[in-house]
């Protein structure tokens, strides 16, 4: 980012070019650039002088993201529990698809480990899922 002093220096350089230019179009362009750099210098100076009066972006509130993540995790846990409770009533094809999809959720190199964990979990809880609720 440039400082007001650097913008003023650029403006002065274009001002000198205006004085030495022999081409009217070129002289006009140098005047435009001189004015532009002077405006930039004025703006930058104003920002420096009034920094405390300007609106500043705040750091994102991470607690909101954490809260949403916790809520989503709770929803996913509830959905997962409801699915497990009905697992034995699902058609075999759907169970295979759900198992394959769940097994693919992990890291690529951990897929076989995750699939084994899911299979053990389903086997361990198969009788609980089949039991009718009161």
C-alpha atoms as a PDB file:
ATOM      1  CA  UNK A   1       0.000   0.000   0.000  1.00  0.00           C
ATOM      2  CA  UNK A   2       1.273   3.455  -0.858  1.00  0.00           C
ATOM      3  CA  UNK A   3       1.655   6.297   1.590  1.00  0.00           C
ATOM      4  CA  UNK A   4       0.418   9.839   0.887  1.00  0.00           C
ATOM      5  CA  UNK A   5       4.047  10.866   0.429  1.00  0.00           C
ATOM      6  CA  UNK A   6       4.568   8.218  -2.273  1.00  0.00           C
ATOM      7  CA  UNK A   7       1.389   9.300  -4.096  1.00  0.00           C
ATOM      8  CA  UNK A   8       2.520  12.940  -3.935  1.00  0.00           C
ATOM      9  CA  UNK A   9       5.917  11.983  -5.360  1.00  0.00           C
ATOM     10  CA  UNK A  10       4.217  10.251  -8.305  1.00  0.00           C
ATOM     11  CA  UNK A  11       1.992  13.292  -8.826  1.00  0.00           C
ATOM     12  CA  UNK A  12       5.064  15.568  -8.872  1.00  0.00           C
ATOM     13  CA  UNK A  13       6.773  13.332 -11.437  1.00  0.00           C
ATOM     14  CA  UNK A  14       3.742  13.546 -13.742  1.00  0.00           C
ATOM     15  CA  UNK A  15       3.620  17.308 -13.114  1.00  0.00           C
ATOM     16  CA  UNK A  16       7.219  17.567 -14.363  1.00  0.00           C
ATOM     17  CA  UNK A  17       6.341  15.464 -17.406  1.00  0.00           C
ATOM     18  CA  UNK A  18       3.486  17.865 -18.206  1.00  0.00           C
ATOM     19  CA  UNK A  19       6.022  20.732 -18.316  1.00  0.00           C
ATOM     20  CA  UNK A  20       8.370  18.927 -20.703  1.00  0.00           C
ATOM     21  CA  UNK A  21       5.780  17.276 -22.939  1.00  0.00           C
ATOM     22  CA  UNK A  22       5.465  18.518 -26.525  1.00  0.00           C
ATOM     23  CA  UNK A  23       2.450  16.374 -27.445  1.00  0.00           C
ATOM     24  CA  UNK A  24      -0.961  17.770 -26.422  1.00  0.00           C
ATOM     25  CA  UNK A  25      -2.540  14.323 -25.917  1.00  0.00           C
ATOM     26  CA  UNK A  26       0.405  13.164 -23.867  1.00  0.00           C
ATOM     27  CA  UNK A  27       0.362  16.382 -21.822  1.00  0.00           C
ATOM     28  CA  UNK A  28      -3.360  15.866 -21.131  1.00  0.00           C
ATOM     29  CA  UNK A  29      -2.750  12.292 -19.977  1.00  0.00           C
ATOM     30  CA  UNK A  30       0.090  13.425 -17.666  1.00  0.00           C
ATOM     31  CA  UNK A  31      -2.202  16.102 -16.158  1.00  0.00           C
ATOM     32  CA  UNK A  32      -4.894  13.497 -15.596  1.00  0.00           C
ATOM     33  CA  UNK A  33      -2.392  11.182 -13.895  1.00  0.00           C
ATOM     34  CA  UNK A  34      -1.012  14.033 -11.781  1.00  0.00           C
ATOM     35  CA  UNK A  35      -4.525  14.889 -10.584  1.00  0.00           C
ATOM     36  CA  UNK A  36      -5.307  11.224  -9.972  1.00  0.00           C
ATOM     37  CA  UNK A  37      -2.209  10.698  -7.807  1.00  0.00           C
ATOM     38  CA  UNK A  38      -2.944  13.901  -5.876  1.00  0.00           C
ATOM     39  CA  UNK A  39      -6.458  12.605  -5.192  1.00  0.00           C
ATOM     40  CA  UNK A  40      -5.055   9.267  -4.054  1.00  0.00           C
ATOM     41  CA  UNK A  41      -2.639  11.092  -1.752  1.00  0.00           C
ATOM     42  CA  UNK A  42      -5.501  13.158  -0.307  1.00  0.00           C
ATOM     43  CA  UNK A  43      -7.612  10.044   0.242  1.00  0.00           C
ATOM     44  CA  UNK A  44      -4.790   8.127   1.879  1.00  0.00           C
ATOM     45  CA  UNK A  45      -3.996  11.100   4.129  1.00  0.00           C
ATOM     46  CA  UNK A  46      -7.659  11.361   5.139  1.00  0.00           C
ATOM     47  CA  UNK A  47      -7.747   7.649   5.969  1.00  0.00           C
ATOM     48  CA  UNK A  48      -4.638   7.960   8.117  1.00  0.00           C
ATOM     49  CA  UNK A  49      -5.996  11.016   9.927  1.00  0.00           C
ATOM     50  CA  UNK A  50      -9.467   9.516  10.449  1.00  0.00           C
ATOM     51  CA  UNK A  51      -8.684   5.846  10.966  1.00  0.00           C
ATOM     52  CA  UNK A  52     -10.436   5.771  14.340  1.00  0.00           C
ATOM     53  CA  UNK A  53     -13.625   7.137  12.732  1.00  0.00           C
ATOM     54  CA  UNK A  54     -13.869   4.496  10.021  1.00  0.00           C
ATOM     55  CA  UNK A  55     -15.631   1.162  10.161  1.00  0.00           C
ATOM     56  CA  UNK A  56     -13.290  -1.767  10.707  1.00  0.00           C
ATOM     57  CA  UNK A  57     -13.975  -5.400   9.918  1.00  0.00           C
ATOM     58  CA  UNK A  58     -14.077  -7.499  13.032  1.00  0.00           C
ATOM     59  CA  UNK A  59     -12.744 -10.979  13.375  1.00  0.00           C
ATOM     60  CA  UNK A  60     -15.448 -13.534  12.620  1.00  0.00           C
ATOM     61  CA  UNK A  61     -17.273 -14.814  15.676  1.00  0.00           C
ATOM     62  CA  UNK A  62     -16.034 -18.385  15.830  1.00  0.00           C
ATOM     63  CA  UNK A  63     -18.555 -19.247  18.550  1.00  0.00           C
ATOM     64  CA  UNK A  64     -21.392 -18.982  15.992  1.00  0.00           C
ATOM     65  CA  UNK A  65     -19.662 -21.512  13.728  1.00  0.00           C
ATOM     66  CA  UNK A  66     -18.952 -23.799  16.652  1.00  0.00           C
ATOM     67  CA  UNK A  67     -22.578 -23.570  17.788  1.00  0.00           C
ATOM     68  CA  UNK A  68     -23.828 -24.426  14.278  1.00  0.00           C
ATOM     69  CA  UNK A  69     -21.397 -27.334  14.050  1.00  0.00           C
ATOM     70  CA  UNK A  70     -22.598 -28.643  17.409  1.00  0.00           C
ATOM     71  CA  UNK A  71     -26.235 -28.371  16.302  1.00  0.00           C
ATOM     72  CA  UNK A  72     -25.493 -30.139  13.025  1.00  0.00           C
ATOM     73  CA  UNK A  73     -23.612 -32.883  14.844  1.00  0.00           C
ATOM     74  CA  UNK A  74     -26.601 -33.342  17.167  1.00  0.00           C
ATOM     75  CA  UNK A  75     -28.983 -33.557  14.191  1.00  0.00           C
ATOM     76  CA  UNK A  76     -26.718 -36.092  12.471  1.00  0.00           C
ATOM     77  CA  UNK A  77     -26.498 -38.171  15.643  1.00  0.00           C
ATOM     78  CA  UNK A  78     -30.288 -38.192  15.955  1.00  0.00           C
ATOM     79  CA  UNK A  79     -30.736 -39.150  12.310  1.00  0.00           C
ATOM     80  CA  UNK A  80     -28.110 -41.857  12.651  1.00  0.00           C
ATOM     81  CA  UNK A  81     -29.754 -43.251  15.779  1.00  0.00           C
ATOM     82  CA  UNK A  82     -33.162 -43.267  14.082  1.00  0.00           C
ATOM     83  CA  UNK A  83     -31.669 -45.069  11.098  1.00  0.00           C
ATOM     84  CA  UNK A  84     -30.022 -47.695  13.296  1.00  0.00           C
ATOM     85  CA  UNK A  85     -33.300 -48.254  15.141  1.00  0.00           C
ATOM     86  CA  UNK A  86     -34.953 -49.118  11.800  1.00  0.00           C
ATOM     87  CA  UNK A  87     -31.935 -50.861  10.218  1.00  0.00           C
ATOM     88  CA  UNK A  88     -33.376 -54.381  10.189  1.00  0.00           C
ATOM     89  CA  UNK A  89     -36.616 -53.190   8.603  1.00  0.00           C
ATOM     90  CA  UNK A  90     -34.825 -51.574   5.651  1.00  0.00           C
ATOM     91  CA  UNK A  91     -34.587 -53.437   2.346  1.00  0.00           C
ATOM     92  CA  UNK A  92     -31.253 -55.206   1.882  1.00  0.00           C
ATOM     93  CA  UNK A  93     -30.357 -53.132  -1.178  1.00  0.00           C
ATOM     94  CA  UNK A  94     -30.882 -49.877   0.750  1.00  0.00           C
ATOM     95  CA  UNK A  95     -28.854 -51.177   3.698  1.00  0.00           C
ATOM     96  CA  UNK A  96     -25.962 -52.021   1.331  1.00  0.00           C
ATOM     97  CA  UNK A  97     -26.121 -48.548  -0.253  1.00  0.00           C
ATOM     98  CA  UNK A  98     -26.206 -46.850   3.134  1.00  0.00           C
ATOM     99  CA  UNK A  99     -23.322 -49.005   4.352  1.00  0.00           C
ATOM    100  CA  UNK A 100     -21.258 -48.213   1.236  1.00  0.00           C
ATOM    101  CA  UNK A 101     -22.001 -44.496   1.514  1.00  0.00           C
ATOM    102  CA  UNK A 102     -21.156 -44.409   5.208  1.00  0.00           C
ATOM    103  CA  UNK A 103     -17.944 -46.358   4.599  1.00  0.00           C
ATOM    104  CA  UNK A 104     -16.888 -43.818   1.976  1.00  0.00           C
ATOM    105  CA  UNK A 105     -17.271 -40.850   4.368  1.00  0.00           C
ATOM    106  CA  UNK A 106     -13.837 -41.253   5.906  1.00  0.00           C
ATOM    107  CA  UNK A 107     -10.393 -40.574   4.538  1.00  0.00           C
ATOM    108  CA  UNK A 108      -9.582 -42.583   1.433  1.00  0.00           C
ATOM    109  CA  UNK A 109      -6.831 -44.586   3.127  1.00  0.00           C
ATOM    110  CA  UNK A 110      -9.045 -45.273   6.152  1.00  0.00           C
ATOM    111  CA  UNK A 111     -12.071 -46.568   4.191  1.00  0.00           C
ATOM    112  CA  UNK A 112     -11.535 -50.245   4.992  1.00  0.00           C
ATOM    113  CA  UNK A 113     -11.020 -49.472   8.694  1.00  0.00           C
ATOM    114  CA  UNK A 114     -14.178 -47.360   8.794  1.00  0.00           C
ATOM    115  CA  UNK A 115     -16.192 -50.005   6.967  1.00  0.00           C
ATOM    116  CA  UNK A 116     -15.020 -52.628   9.491  1.00  0.00           C
ATOM    117  CA  UNK A 117     -15.985 -50.347  12.402  1.00  0.00           C
ATOM    118  CA  UNK A 118     -19.429 -49.754  10.897  1.00  0.00           C
ATOM    119  CA  UNK A 119     -19.934 -53.463  10.284  1.00  0.00           C
ATOM    120  CA  UNK A 120     -18.965 -54.295  13.895  1.00  0.00           C
ATOM    121  CA  UNK A 121     -21.287 -51.565  15.196  1.00  0.00           C
ATOM    122  CA  UNK A 122     -24.225 -52.785  13.120  1.00  0.00           C
ATOM    123  CA  UNK A 123     -23.600 -56.400  14.138  1.00  0.00           C
ATOM    124  CA  UNK A 124     -23.322 -55.461  17.820  1.00  0.00           C
ATOM    125  CA  UNK A 125     -26.564 -53.444  17.770  1.00  0.00           C
ATOM    126  CA  UNK A 126     -28.615 -55.559  15.361  1.00  0.00           C
ATOM    127  CA  UNK A 127     -30.737 -57.129  18.077  1.00  0.00           C
ATOM    128  CA  UNK A 128     -31.356 -53.752  19.787  1.00  0.00           C
ATOM    129  CA  UNK A 129     -32.604 -52.282  16.524  1.00  0.00           C
ATOM    130  CA  UNK A 130     -34.997 -55.176  16.000  1.00  0.00           C
ATOM    131  CA  UNK A 131     -36.562 -54.855  19.441  1.00  0.00           C
ATOM    132  CA  UNK A 132     -39.922 -53.068  19.274  1.00  0.00           C
ATOM    133  CA  UNK A 133     -40.148 -49.798  21.133  1.00  0.00           C
ATOM    134  CA  UNK A 134     -42.679 -49.507  23.977  1.00  0.00           C
END
